[in-house]
Amino acid sequence: MNSKEIIGTNVVVFVNVPNFGQADTITGVRVYDINGALAGQQSISLKRTSLNVALLRFTFPLIETEE
């Protein structure tokens, strides 16, 4: 993860995904909280060649819950 910021009622996460020398497909991103619980996820389909580096931007809504 490169950076994260709160914008209004959303958290915006920037993720740098380096290439690994071969073509691949990125199918999603998951964000975990400090306790290791899944806080949010998004499905995507990004096909890359062996030369592409990806900088991805994801926006997750902030939702307060009572336990």
C-alpha atoms as a PDB file:
ATOM      1  CA  MET A   1       0.000   0.000   0.000  1.00  0.00           C
ATOM      2  CA  ASN A   2       1.431   3.360  -1.013  1.00  0.00           C
ATOM      3  CA  SER A   3      -0.920   5.628   0.890  1.00  0.00           C
ATOM      4  CA  LYS A   4      -4.355   5.997   2.388  1.00  0.00           C
ATOM      5  CA  GLU A   5      -6.511   8.996   3.192  1.00  0.00           C
ATOM      6  CA  ILE A   6      -9.976   9.785   4.493  1.00  0.00           C
ATOM      7  CA  ILE A   7     -12.102  11.812   2.075  1.00  0.00           C
ATOM      8  CA  GLY A   8     -15.542  12.624   3.441  1.00  0.00           C
ATOM      9  CA  THR A   9     -17.053   9.292   4.510  1.00  0.00           C
ATOM     10  CA  ASN A  10     -14.658   7.163   2.463  1.00  0.00           C
ATOM     11  CA  VAL A  11     -11.166   5.793   2.864  1.00  0.00           C
ATOM     12  CA  VAL A  12      -9.110   5.967  -0.338  1.00  0.00           C
ATOM     13  CA  VAL A  13      -6.275   3.464  -0.666  1.00  0.00           C
ATOM     14  CA  PHE A  14      -3.479   3.600  -3.269  1.00  0.00           C
ATOM     15  CA  VAL A  15      -1.705   0.316  -3.955  1.00  0.00           C
ATOM     16  CA  ASN A  16       1.438  -0.157  -6.061  1.00  0.00           C
ATOM     17  CA  VAL A  17       1.584  -3.592  -7.706  1.00  0.00           C
ATOM     18  CA  PRO A  18       4.996  -4.295  -9.272  1.00  0.00           C
ATOM     19  CA  ASN A  19       5.376  -6.657 -12.211  1.00  0.00           C
ATOM     20  CA  PHE A  20       6.811 -10.118 -11.673  1.00  0.00           C
ATOM     21  CA  GLY A  21       8.200 -10.692 -15.161  1.00  0.00           C
ATOM     22  CA  GLN A  22       5.140 -12.461 -16.511  1.00  0.00           C
ATOM     23  CA  ALA A  23       1.585 -11.626 -17.565  1.00  0.00           C
ATOM     24  CA  ASP A  24      -1.060 -11.856 -14.843  1.00  0.00           C
ATOM     25  CA  THR A  25      -4.553 -10.779 -13.843  1.00  0.00           C
ATOM     26  CA  ILE A  26      -5.369  -8.876 -10.655  1.00  0.00           C
ATOM     27  CA  THR A  27      -8.816  -9.984  -9.487  1.00  0.00           C
ATOM     28  CA  GLY A  28      -9.407  -7.977  -6.311  1.00  0.00           C
ATOM     29  CA  VAL A  29      -8.187  -6.134  -3.264  1.00  0.00           C
ATOM     30  CA  ARG A  30      -8.873  -6.710   0.429  1.00  0.00           C
ATOM     31  CA  VAL A  31      -8.307  -4.297   3.306  1.00  0.00           C
ATOM     32  CA  TYR A  32      -7.845  -5.645   6.837  1.00  0.00           C
ATOM     33  CA  ASP A  33      -8.124  -3.707  10.086  1.00  0.00           C
ATOM     34  CA  ILE A  34      -5.443  -3.672  12.782  1.00  0.00           C
ATOM     35  CA  ASN A  35      -7.037  -6.756  14.388  1.00  0.00           C
ATOM     36  CA  GLY A  36      -6.739  -8.775  11.186  1.00  0.00           C
ATOM     37  CA  ALA A  37     -10.481  -8.671  10.418  1.00  0.00           C
ATOM     38  CA  LEU A  38     -11.566  -8.067   6.835  1.00  0.00           C
ATOM     39  CA  ALA A  39     -12.649  -4.413   6.661  1.00  0.00           C
ATOM     40  CA  GLY A  40     -13.495  -4.180   2.950  1.00  0.00           C
ATOM     41  CA  GLN A  41     -12.954  -5.751  -0.428  1.00  0.00           C
ATOM     42  CA  GLN A  42     -13.499  -4.993  -4.103  1.00  0.00           C
ATOM     43  CA  SER A  43     -13.431  -7.286  -7.118  1.00  0.00           C
ATOM     44  CA  ILE A  44     -11.675  -6.140 -10.277  1.00  0.00           C
ATOM     45  CA  SER A  45     -10.298  -7.703 -13.443  1.00  0.00           C
ATOM     46  CA  LEU A  46      -7.037  -6.092 -14.537  1.00  0.00           C
ATOM     47  CA  LYS A  47      -4.994  -8.032 -17.109  1.00  0.00           C
ATOM     48  CA  ARG A  48      -1.339  -7.040 -17.345  1.00  0.00           C
ATOM     49  CA  THR A  49       1.554  -7.938 -19.593  1.00  0.00           C
ATOM     50  CA  SER A  50       4.941  -8.856 -18.179  1.00  0.00           C
ATOM     51  CA  LEU A  51       6.046  -5.194 -18.424  1.00  0.00           C
ATOM     52  CA  ASN A  52       3.143  -3.389 -16.718  1.00  0.00           C
ATOM     53  CA  VAL A  53       3.314  -1.974 -13.213  1.00  0.00           C
ATOM     54  CA  ALA A  54      -0.034  -1.011 -11.672  1.00  0.00           C
ATOM     55  CA  LEU A  55      -0.968   1.841  -9.359  1.00  0.00           C
ATOM     56  CA  LEU A  56      -4.494   1.102  -8.170  1.00  0.00           C
ATOM     57  CA  ARG A  57      -6.906   3.425  -6.372  1.00  0.00           C
ATOM     58  CA  PHE A  58      -9.728   1.956  -4.317  1.00  0.00           C
ATOM     59  CA  THR A  59     -12.459   3.795  -2.420  1.00  0.00           C
ATOM     60  CA  PHE A  60     -14.192   2.127   0.517  1.00  0.00           C
ATOM     61  CA  PRO A  61     -17.086   3.654   2.479  1.00  0.00           C
ATOM     62  CA  LEU A  62     -16.531   4.171   6.201  1.00  0.00           C
ATOM     63  CA  ILE A  63     -19.332   2.588   8.195  1.00  0.00           C
ATOM     64  CA  GLU A  64     -19.584   2.696  11.978  1.00  0.00           C
ATOM     65  CA  THR A  65     -21.101  -0.304  13.719  1.00  0.00           C
ATOM     66  CA  GLU A  66     -21.905  -0.977  17.329  1.00  0.00           C
ATOM     67  CA  GLU A  67     -20.854  -4.259  18.868  1.00  0.00           C
END
